[in-house]
Amino acid sequence: MRYITLALAALLVLVHAELWFGKGGVPRTMDLSAKLQLQKAANNAARARNAQMDAEVRDLKEGLEMVEEKARFELGMIRPDEIYVQVSTPKR
């Protein structure tokens, strides 16, 4: 009877060692859970950025106002009947 108790105790120690230090143990599970939270945050940021880009693409496809705005501000383009005036401050 004593040998059975010792064998069961040894098996219990092995099971606990596997639980704490094994491949699927508690520390690894906690680490993977933290990594999962970080990845979810990164995915949410990417979704927001994708939604913003999707809205911009839709605006470019549907309306000329966005194209005109981009041409004016990013490329400095003007209409044929407009006069472009640039004001600069004198150097001291």
PDB file of N, CA and C in Angstrom:
ATOM      1  N   MET A   1       0.819  -1.184   0.000  1.00  0.00           N
ATOM      2  CA  MET A   1       0.000   0.000   0.000  1.00  0.00           C
ATOM      3  C   MET A   1       0.872   1.260   0.000  1.00  0.00           C
ATOM      4  N   ARG A   2       1.993   1.189   0.663  1.00  0.00           N
ATOM      5  CA  ARG A   2       2.893   2.338   0.747  1.00  0.00           C
ATOM      6  C   ARG A   2       3.454   2.675  -0.630  1.00  0.00           C
ATOM      7  N   TYR A   3       3.760   1.674  -1.465  1.00  0.00           N
ATOM      8  CA  TYR A   3       4.321   1.912  -2.788  1.00  0.00           C
ATOM      9  C   TYR A   3       3.303   2.601  -3.704  1.00  0.00           C
ATOM     10  N   ILE A   4       2.065   2.231  -3.551  1.00  0.00           N
ATOM     11  CA  ILE A   4       1.021   2.844  -4.370  1.00  0.00           C
ATOM     12  C   ILE A   4       0.893   4.321  -4.020  1.00  0.00           C
ATOM     13  N   THR A   5       0.951   4.646  -2.736  1.00  0.00           N
ATOM     14  CA  THR A   5       0.864   6.039  -2.295  1.00  0.00           C
ATOM     15  C   THR A   5       2.049   6.843  -2.832  1.00  0.00           C
ATOM     16  N   LEU A   6       3.252   6.279  -2.770  1.00  0.00           N
ATOM     17  CA  LEU A   6       4.437   6.964  -3.283  1.00  0.00           C
ATOM     18  C   LEU A   6       4.356   7.143  -4.809  1.00  0.00           C
ATOM     19  N   ALA A   7       3.855   6.148  -5.498  1.00  0.00           N
ATOM     20  CA  ALA A   7       3.719   6.246  -6.952  1.00  0.00           C
ATOM     21  C   ALA A   7       2.699   7.320  -7.329  1.00  0.00           C
ATOM     22  N   LEU A   8       1.590   7.361  -6.609  1.00  0.00           N
ATOM     23  CA  LEU A   8       0.584   8.383  -6.878  1.00  0.00           C
ATOM     24  C   LEU A   8       1.106   9.786  -6.555  1.00  0.00           C
ATOM     25  N   ALA A   9       1.872   9.908  -5.496  1.00  0.00           N
ATOM     26  CA  ALA A   9       2.459  11.205  -5.136  1.00  0.00           C
ATOM     27  C   ALA A   9       3.462  11.643  -6.204  1.00  0.00           C
ATOM     28  N   ALA A  10       4.256  10.693  -6.706  1.00  0.00           N
ATOM     29  CA  ALA A  10       5.221  11.012  -7.765  1.00  0.00           C
ATOM     30  C   ALA A  10       4.495  11.449  -9.031  1.00  0.00           C
ATOM     31  N   LEU A  11       3.415  10.793  -9.391  1.00  0.00           N
ATOM     32  CA  LEU A  11       2.624  11.181 -10.552  1.00  0.00           C
ATOM     33  C   LEU A  11       2.014  12.568 -10.369  1.00  0.00           C
ATOM     34  N   LEU A  12       1.567  12.873  -9.155  1.00  0.00           N
ATOM     35  CA  LEU A  12       1.013  14.186  -8.856  1.00  0.00           C
ATOM     36  C   LEU A  12       2.073  15.276  -9.025  1.00  0.00           C
ATOM     37  N   VAL A  13       3.285  14.989  -8.574  1.00  0.00           N
ATOM     38  CA  VAL A  13       4.395  15.944  -8.729  1.00  0.00           C
ATOM     39  C   VAL A  13       4.707  16.139 -10.217  1.00  0.00           C
ATOM     40  N   LEU A  14       4.707  15.079 -10.988  1.00  0.00           N
ATOM     41  CA  LEU A  14       4.958  15.192 -12.422  1.00  0.00           C
ATOM     42  C   LEU A  14       3.881  16.009 -13.130  1.00  0.00           C
ATOM     43  N   VAL A  15       2.639  15.805 -12.751  1.00  0.00           N
ATOM     44  CA  VAL A  15       1.542  16.553 -13.366  1.00  0.00           C
ATOM     45  C   VAL A  15       1.672  18.039 -13.043  1.00  0.00           C
ATOM     46  N   HIS A  16       2.004  18.353 -11.799  1.00  0.00           N
ATOM     47  CA  HIS A  16       2.167  19.759 -11.417  1.00  0.00           C
ATOM     48  C   HIS A  16       3.378  20.379 -12.100  1.00  0.00           C
ATOM     49  N   ALA A  17       4.447  19.626 -12.237  1.00  0.00           N
ATOM     50  CA  ALA A  17       5.629  20.142 -12.927  1.00  0.00           C
ATOM     51  C   ALA A  17       5.301  20.443 -14.385  1.00  0.00           C
ATOM     52  N   GLU A  18       4.533  19.590 -15.018  1.00  0.00           N
ATOM     53  CA  GLU A  18       4.126  19.825 -16.410  1.00  0.00           C
ATOM     54  C   GLU A  18       3.212  21.042 -16.502  1.00  0.00           C
ATOM     55  N   LEU A  19       2.356  21.213 -15.512  1.00  0.00           N
ATOM     56  CA  LEU A  19       1.444  22.348 -15.502  1.00  0.00           C
ATOM     57  C   LEU A  19       2.192  23.673 -15.398  1.00  0.00           C
ATOM     58  N   TRP A  20       3.224  23.724 -14.563  1.00  0.00           N
ATOM     59  CA  TRP A  20       3.929  24.979 -14.339  1.00  0.00           C
ATOM     60  C   TRP A  20       5.103  25.203 -15.292  1.00  0.00           C
ATOM     61  N   PHE A  21       5.767  24.161 -15.710  1.00  0.00           N
ATOM     62  CA  PHE A  21       6.983  24.329 -16.503  1.00  0.00           C
ATOM     63  C   PHE A  21       6.905  23.719 -17.892  1.00  0.00           C
ATOM     64  N   GLY A  22       5.825  23.067 -18.225  1.00  0.00           N
ATOM     65  CA  GLY A  22       5.718  22.372 -19.505  1.00  0.00           C
ATOM     66  C   GLY A  22       5.369  23.301 -20.656  1.00  0.00           C
ATOM     67  N   LYS A  23       5.182  22.706 -21.819  1.00  0.00           N
ATOM     68  CA  LYS A  23       4.932  23.446 -23.046  1.00  0.00           C
ATOM     69  C   LYS A  23       3.615  24.227 -22.992  1.00  0.00           C
ATOM     70  N   GLY A  24       2.605  23.686 -22.392  1.00  0.00           N
ATOM     71  CA  GLY A  24       1.308  24.355 -22.288  1.00  0.00           C
ATOM     72  C   GLY A  24       1.043  24.856 -20.889  1.00  0.00           C
ATOM     73  N   GLY A  25       2.079  25.214 -20.169  1.00  0.00           N
ATOM     74  CA  GLY A  25       1.951  25.610 -18.773  1.00  0.00           C
ATOM     75  C   GLY A  25       1.357  26.988 -18.571  1.00  0.00           C
ATOM     76  N   VAL A  26       1.182  27.316 -17.327  1.00  0.00           N
ATOM     77  CA  VAL A  26       0.565  28.577 -16.937  1.00  0.00           C
ATOM     78  C   VAL A  26       1.385  29.789 -17.404  1.00  0.00           C
ATOM     79  N   PRO A  27       2.700  29.842 -17.219  1.00  0.00           N
ATOM     80  CA  PRO A  27       3.438  31.030 -17.679  1.00  0.00           C
ATOM     81  C   PRO A  27       3.327  31.257 -19.195  1.00  0.00           C
ATOM     82  N   ARG A  28       3.392  30.196 -19.959  1.00  0.00           N
ATOM     83  CA  ARG A  28       3.274  30.334 -21.418  1.00  0.00           C
ATOM     84  C   ARG A  28       1.877  30.806 -21.795  1.00  0.00           C
ATOM     85  N   THR A  29       0.866  30.312 -21.114  1.00  0.00           N
ATOM     86  CA  THR A  29      -0.501  30.727 -21.378  1.00  0.00           C
ATOM     87  C   THR A  29      -0.680  32.209 -21.078  1.00  0.00           C
ATOM     88  N   MET A  30      -0.101  32.675 -19.980  1.00  0.00           N
ATOM     89  CA  MET A  30      -0.194  34.089 -19.630  1.00  0.00           C
ATOM     90  C   MET A  30       0.536  34.948 -20.668  1.00  0.00           C
ATOM     91  N   ASP A  31       1.691  34.496 -21.118  1.00  0.00           N
ATOM     92  CA  ASP A  31       2.461  35.220 -22.124  1.00  0.00           C
ATOM     93  C   ASP A  31       1.689  35.307 -23.440  1.00  0.00           C
ATOM     94  N   LEU A  32       1.106  34.200 -23.858  1.00  0.00           N
ATOM     95  CA  LEU A  32       0.327  34.190 -25.092  1.00  0.00           C
ATOM     96  C   LEU A  32      -0.920  35.064 -24.976  1.00  0.00           C
ATOM     97  N   SER A  33      -1.507  35.118 -23.802  1.00  0.00           N
ATOM     98  CA  SER A  33      -2.677  35.967 -23.584  1.00  0.00           C
ATOM     99  C   SER A  33      -2.298  37.444 -23.721  1.00  0.00           C
ATOM    100  N   ALA A  34      -1.141  37.822 -23.180  1.00  0.00           N
ATOM    101  CA  ALA A  34      -0.679  39.209 -23.309  1.00  0.00           C
ATOM    102  C   ALA A  34      -0.386  39.540 -24.774  1.00  0.00           C
ATOM    103  N   LYS A  35       0.245  38.627 -25.490  1.00  0.00           N
ATOM    104  CA  LYS A  35       0.535  38.841 -26.910  1.00  0.00           C
ATOM    105  C   LYS A  35      -0.757  38.966 -27.715  1.00  0.00           C
ATOM    106  N   LEU A  36      -1.766  38.189 -27.350  1.00  0.00           N
ATOM    107  CA  LEU A  36      -3.054  38.245 -28.028  1.00  0.00           C
ATOM    108  C   LEU A  36      -3.692  39.621 -27.853  1.00  0.00           C
ATOM    109  N   GLN A  37      -3.627  40.179 -26.653  1.00  0.00           N
ATOM    110  CA  GLN A  37      -4.191  41.507 -26.418  1.00  0.00           C
ATOM    111  C   GLN A  37      -3.479  42.566 -27.254  1.00  0.00           C
ATOM    112  N   LEU A  38      -2.151  42.475 -27.343  1.00  0.00           N
ATOM    113  CA  LEU A  38      -1.390  43.413 -28.171  1.00  0.00           C
ATOM    114  C   LEU A  38      -1.771  43.293 -29.639  1.00  0.00           C
ATOM    115  N   GLN A  39      -1.927  42.083 -30.114  1.00  0.00           N
ATOM    116  CA  GLN A  39      -2.291  41.872 -31.511  1.00  0.00           C
ATOM    117  C   GLN A  39      -3.698  42.376 -31.798  1.00  0.00           C
ATOM    118  N   LYS A  40      -4.623  42.201 -30.847  1.00  0.00           N
ATOM    119  CA  LYS A  40      -5.975  42.715 -31.033  1.00  0.00           C
ATOM    120  C   LYS A  40      -5.966  44.238 -31.132  1.00  0.00           C
ATOM    121  N   ALA A  41      -5.145  44.892 -30.312  1.00  0.00           N
ATOM    122  CA  ALA A  41      -5.047  46.354 -30.381  1.00  0.00           C
ATOM    123  C   ALA A  41      -4.475  46.792 -31.728  1.00  0.00           C
ATOM    124  N   ALA A  42      -3.449  46.089 -32.205  1.00  0.00           N
ATOM    125  CA  ALA A  42      -2.863  46.418 -33.507  1.00  0.00           C
ATOM    126  C   ALA A  42      -3.874  46.189 -34.627  1.00  0.00           C
ATOM    127  N   ASN A  43      -4.659  45.134 -34.534  1.00  0.00           N
ATOM    128  CA  ASN A  43      -5.682  44.851 -35.541  1.00  0.00           C
ATOM    129  C   ASN A  43      -6.752  45.940 -35.561  1.00  0.00           C
ATOM    130  N   ASN A  44      -7.153  46.410 -34.371  1.00  0.00           N
ATOM    131  CA  ASN A  44      -8.159  47.471 -34.319  1.00  0.00           C
ATOM    132  C   ASN A  44      -7.630  48.760 -34.940  1.00  0.00           C
ATOM    133  N   ALA A  45      -6.362  49.078 -34.694  1.00  0.00           N
ATOM    134  CA  ALA A  45      -5.761  50.269 -35.300  1.00  0.00           C
ATOM    135  C   ALA A  45      -5.704  50.121 -36.818  1.00  0.00           C
ATOM    136  N   ALA A  46      -5.363  48.938 -37.293  1.00  0.00           N
ATOM    137  CA  ALA A  46      -5.309  48.701 -38.738  1.00  0.00           C
ATOM    138  C   ALA A  46      -6.699  48.786 -39.352  1.00  0.00           C
ATOM    139  N   ARG A  47      -7.709  48.284 -38.648  1.00  0.00           N
ATOM    140  CA  ARG A  47      -9.081  48.383 -39.159  1.00  0.00           C
ATOM    141  C   ARG A  47      -9.507  49.841 -39.291  1.00  0.00           C
ATOM    142  N   ALA A  48      -9.169  50.658 -38.294  1.00  0.00           N
ATOM    143  CA  ALA A  48      -9.528  52.079 -38.352  1.00  0.00           C
ATOM    144  C   ALA A  48      -8.820  52.758 -39.520  1.00  0.00           C
ATOM    145  N   ARG A  49      -7.544  52.462 -39.708  1.00  0.00           N
ATOM    146  CA  ARG A  49      -6.786  53.039 -40.818  1.00  0.00           C
ATOM    147  C   ARG A  49      -7.362  52.582 -42.160  1.00  0.00           C
ATOM    148  N   ASN A  50      -7.735  51.313 -42.254  1.00  0.00           N
ATOM    149  CA  ASN A  50      -8.331  50.797 -43.488  1.00  0.00           C
ATOM    150  C   ASN A  50      -9.673  51.453 -43.775  1.00  0.00           C
ATOM    151  N   ALA A  51     -10.470  51.682 -42.739  1.00  0.00           N
ATOM    152  CA  ALA A  51     -11.760  52.340 -42.929  1.00  0.00           C
ATOM    153  C   ALA A  51     -11.561  53.769 -43.422  1.00  0.00           C
ATOM    154  N   GLN A  52     -10.561  54.463 -42.888  1.00  0.00           N
ATOM    155  CA  GLN A  52     -10.276  55.820 -43.322  1.00  0.00           C
ATOM    156  C   GLN A  52      -9.831  55.830 -44.790  1.00  0.00           C
ATOM    157  N   MET A  53      -8.975  54.898 -45.154  1.00  0.00           N
ATOM    158  CA  MET A  53      -8.515  54.812 -46.541  1.00  0.00           C
ATOM    159  C   MET A  53      -9.658  54.431 -47.482  1.00  0.00           C
ATOM    160  N   ASP A  54     -10.536  53.557 -47.026  1.00  0.00           N
ATOM    161  CA  ASP A  54     -11.686  53.154 -47.831  1.00  0.00           C
ATOM    162  C   ASP A  54     -12.599  54.353 -48.090  1.00  0.00           C
ATOM    163  N   ALA A  55     -12.813  55.174 -47.067  1.00  0.00           N
ATOM    164  CA  ALA A  55     -13.645  56.363 -47.239  1.00  0.00           C
ATOM    165  C   ALA A  55     -12.993  57.329 -48.221  1.00  0.00           C
ATOM    166  N   GLU A  56     -11.690  57.471 -48.144  1.00  0.00           N
ATOM    167  CA  GLU A  56     -10.989  58.360 -49.070  1.00  0.00           C
ATOM    168  C   GLU A  56     -11.074  57.843 -50.509  1.00  0.00           C
ATOM    169  N   VAL A  57     -10.938  56.545 -50.687  1.00  0.00           N
ATOM    170  CA  VAL A  57     -11.046  55.955 -52.029  1.00  0.00           C
ATOM    171  C   VAL A  57     -12.449  56.162 -52.582  1.00  0.00           C
ATOM    172  N   ARG A  58     -13.466  55.959 -51.744  1.00  0.00           N
ATOM    173  CA  ARG A  58     -14.847  56.185 -52.190  1.00  0.00           C
ATOM    174  C   ARG A  58     -15.053  57.641 -52.595  1.00  0.00           C
ATOM    175  N   ASP A  59     -14.502  58.568 -51.807  1.00  0.00           N
ATOM    176  CA  ASP A  59     -14.625  59.983 -52.148  1.00  0.00           C
ATOM    177  C   ASP A  59     -13.940  60.284 -53.479  1.00  0.00           C
ATOM    178  N   LEU A  60     -12.787  59.693 -53.698  1.00  0.00           N
ATOM    179  CA  LEU A  60     -12.070  59.928 -54.953  1.00  0.00           C
ATOM    180  C   LEU A  60     -12.830  59.354 -56.147  1.00  0.00           C
ATOM    181  N   LYS A  61     -13.487  58.222 -55.949  1.00  0.00           N
ATOM    182  CA  LYS A  61     -14.230  57.604 -57.041  1.00  0.00           C
ATOM    183  C   LYS A  61     -15.530  58.350 -57.339  1.00  0.00           C
ATOM    184  N   GLU A  62     -16.184  58.858 -56.297  1.00  0.00           N
ATOM    185  CA  GLU A  62     -17.523  59.420 -56.468  1.00  0.00           C
ATOM    186  C   GLU A  62     -17.532  60.920 -56.747  1.00  0.00           C
ATOM    187  N   GLY A  63     -16.657  61.665 -56.137  1.00  0.00           N
ATOM    188  CA  GLY A  63     -16.768  63.116 -56.271  1.00  0.00           C
ATOM    189  C   GLY A  63     -15.484  63.767 -56.730  1.00  0.00           C
ATOM    190  N   LEU A  64     -15.634  64.852 -57.446  1.00  0.00           N
ATOM    191  CA  LEU A  64     -14.476  65.592 -57.925  1.00  0.00           C
ATOM    192  C   LEU A  64     -13.976  66.602 -56.892  1.00  0.00           C
ATOM    193  N   GLU A  65     -14.773  66.850 -55.853  1.00  0.00           N
ATOM    194  CA  GLU A  65     -14.351  67.817 -54.843  1.00  0.00           C
ATOM    195  C   GLU A  65     -13.070  67.363 -54.146  1.00  0.00           C
ATOM    196  N   MET A  66     -12.980  66.091 -53.846  1.00  0.00           N
ATOM    197  CA  MET A  66     -11.795  65.569 -53.166  1.00  0.00           C
ATOM    198  C   MET A  66     -10.583  65.646 -54.092  1.00  0.00           C
ATOM    199  N   VAL A  67     -10.786  65.366 -55.365  1.00  0.00           N
ATOM    200  CA  VAL A  67      -9.684  65.435 -56.326  1.00  0.00           C
ATOM    201  C   VAL A  67      -9.202  66.876 -56.442  1.00  0.00           C
ATOM    202  N   GLU A  68     -10.141  67.808 -56.515  1.00  0.00           N
ATOM    203  CA  GLU A  68      -9.766  69.222 -56.618  1.00  0.00           C
ATOM    204  C   GLU A  68      -9.029  69.691 -55.362  1.00  0.00           C
ATOM    205  N   GLU A  69      -9.505  69.276 -54.206  1.00  0.00           N
ATOM    206  CA  GLU A  69      -8.857  69.666 -52.949  1.00  0.00           C
ATOM    207  C   GLU A  69      -7.427  69.136 -52.884  1.00  0.00           C
ATOM    208  N   LYS A  70      -7.244  67.871 -53.241  1.00  0.00           N
ATOM    209  CA  LYS A  70      -5.899  67.291 -53.233  1.00  0.00           C
ATOM    210  C   LYS A  70      -4.988  67.991 -54.239  1.00  0.00           C
ATOM    211  N   ALA A  71      -5.512  68.293 -55.415  1.00  0.00           N
ATOM    212  CA  ALA A  71      -4.704  68.970 -56.436  1.00  0.00           C
ATOM    213  C   ALA A  71      -4.296  70.358 -55.968  1.00  0.00           C
ATOM    214  N   ARG A  72      -5.181  71.071 -55.306  1.00  0.00           N
ATOM    215  CA  ARG A  72      -4.858  72.416 -54.840  1.00  0.00           C
ATOM    216  C   ARG A  72      -3.823  72.404 -53.720  1.00  0.00           C
ATOM    217  N   PHE A  73      -4.033  71.583 -52.728  1.00  0.00           N
ATOM    218  CA  PHE A  73      -3.170  71.633 -51.554  1.00  0.00           C
ATOM    219  C   PHE A  73      -1.872  70.854 -51.720  1.00  0.00           C
ATOM    220  N   GLU A  74      -1.908  69.723 -52.377  1.00  0.00           N
ATOM    221  CA  GLU A  74      -0.702  68.906 -52.486  1.00  0.00           C
ATOM    222  C   GLU A  74       0.129  69.252 -53.712  1.00  0.00           C
ATOM    223  N   LEU A  75      -0.514  69.662 -54.805  1.00  0.00           N
ATOM    224  CA  LEU A  75       0.216  69.930 -56.041  1.00  0.00           C
ATOM    225  C   LEU A  75       0.290  71.413 -56.385  1.00  0.00           C
ATOM    226  N   GLY A  76      -0.447  72.250 -55.660  1.00  0.00           N
ATOM    227  CA  GLY A  76      -0.414  73.687 -55.912  1.00  0.00           C
ATOM    228  C   GLY A  76      -1.094  74.089 -57.206  1.00  0.00           C
ATOM    229  N   MET A  77      -2.050  73.337 -57.677  1.00  0.00           N
ATOM    230  CA  MET A  77      -2.714  73.645 -58.943  1.00  0.00           C
ATOM    231  C   MET A  77      -3.787  74.723 -58.726  1.00  0.00           C
ATOM    232  N   ILE A  78      -4.028  75.508 -59.773  1.00  0.00           N
ATOM    233  CA  ILE A  78      -5.054  76.544 -59.740  1.00  0.00           C
ATOM    234  C   ILE A  78      -5.919  76.429 -60.990  1.00  0.00           C
ATOM    235  N   ARG A  79      -7.087  77.058 -60.938  1.00  0.00           N
ATOM    236  CA  ARG A  79      -7.995  77.074 -62.098  1.00  0.00           C
ATOM    237  C   ARG A  79      -7.492  78.106 -63.108  1.00  0.00           C
ATOM    238  N   PRO A  80      -7.919  77.966 -64.357  1.00  0.00           N
ATOM    239  CA  PRO A  80      -7.452  78.918 -65.382  1.00  0.00           C
ATOM    240  C   PRO A  80      -7.838  80.367 -65.104  1.00  0.00           C
ATOM    241  N   ASP A  81      -8.966  80.633 -64.453  1.00  0.00           N
ATOM    242  CA  ASP A  81      -9.399  82.004 -64.222  1.00  0.00           C
ATOM    243  C   ASP A  81      -8.961  82.552 -62.859  1.00  0.00           C
ATOM    244  N   GLU A  82      -8.118  81.857 -62.151  1.00  0.00           N
ATOM    245  CA  GLU A  82      -7.652  82.298 -60.837  1.00  0.00           C
ATOM    246  C   GLU A  82      -6.271  82.941 -60.948  1.00  0.00           C
ATOM    247  N   ILE A  83      -5.988  83.783 -59.977  1.00  0.00           N
ATOM    248  CA  ILE A  83      -4.672  84.398 -59.885  1.00  0.00           C
ATOM    249  C   ILE A  83      -4.029  83.900 -58.598  1.00  0.00           C
ATOM    250  N   TYR A  84      -2.818  83.405 -58.718  1.00  0.00           N
ATOM    251  CA  TYR A  84      -2.090  82.869 -57.570  1.00  0.00           C
ATOM    252  C   TYR A  84      -1.212  83.973 -56.999  1.00  0.00           C
ATOM    253  N   VAL A  85      -1.370  84.243 -55.712  1.00  0.00           N
ATOM    254  CA  VAL A  85      -0.582  85.265 -55.033  1.00  0.00           C
ATOM    255  C   VAL A  85       0.157  84.595 -53.893  1.00  0.00           C
ATOM    256  N   GLN A  86       1.469  84.815 -53.867  1.00  0.00           N
ATOM    257  CA  GLN A  86       2.281  84.256 -52.791  1.00  0.00           C
ATOM    258  C   GLN A  86       2.875  85.412 -52.002  1.00  0.00           C
ATOM    259  N   VAL A  87       2.650  85.399 -50.698  1.00  0.00           N
ATOM    260  CA  VAL A  87       3.141  86.464 -49.841  1.00  0.00           C
ATOM    261  C   VAL A  87       4.315  85.892 -49.055  1.00  0.00           C
ATOM    262  N   SER A  88       5.416  86.614 -49.087  1.00  0.00           N
ATOM    263  CA  SER A  88       6.581  86.178 -48.326  1.00  0.00           C
ATOM    264  C   SER A  88       7.033  87.298 -47.416  1.00  0.00           C
ATOM    265  N   THR A  89       7.628  86.936 -46.311  1.00  0.00           N
ATOM    266  CA  THR A  89       8.126  87.933 -45.371  1.00  0.00           C
ATOM    267  C   THR A  89       9.576  88.247 -45.702  1.00  0.00           C
ATOM    268  N   PRO A  90       9.981  89.523 -45.550  1.00  0.00           N
ATOM    269  CA  PRO A  90      11.375  89.866 -45.864  1.00  0.00           C
ATOM    270  C   PRO A  90      12.345  89.260 -44.846  1.00  0.00           C
ATOM    271  N   LYS A  91      13.536  88.937 -45.314  1.00  0.00           N
ATOM    272  CA  LYS A  91      14.557  88.384 -44.429  1.00  0.00           C
ATOM    273  C   LYS A  91      15.219  89.524 -43.670  1.00  0.00           C
ATOM    274  N   ARG A  92      15.591  89.277 -42.449  1.00  0.00           N
ATOM    275  CA  ARG A  92      16.239  90.315 -41.626  1.00  0.00           C
ATOM    276  C   ARG A  92      17.713  90.117 -41.571  1.00  0.00           C
TER     277      ARG A  92
END
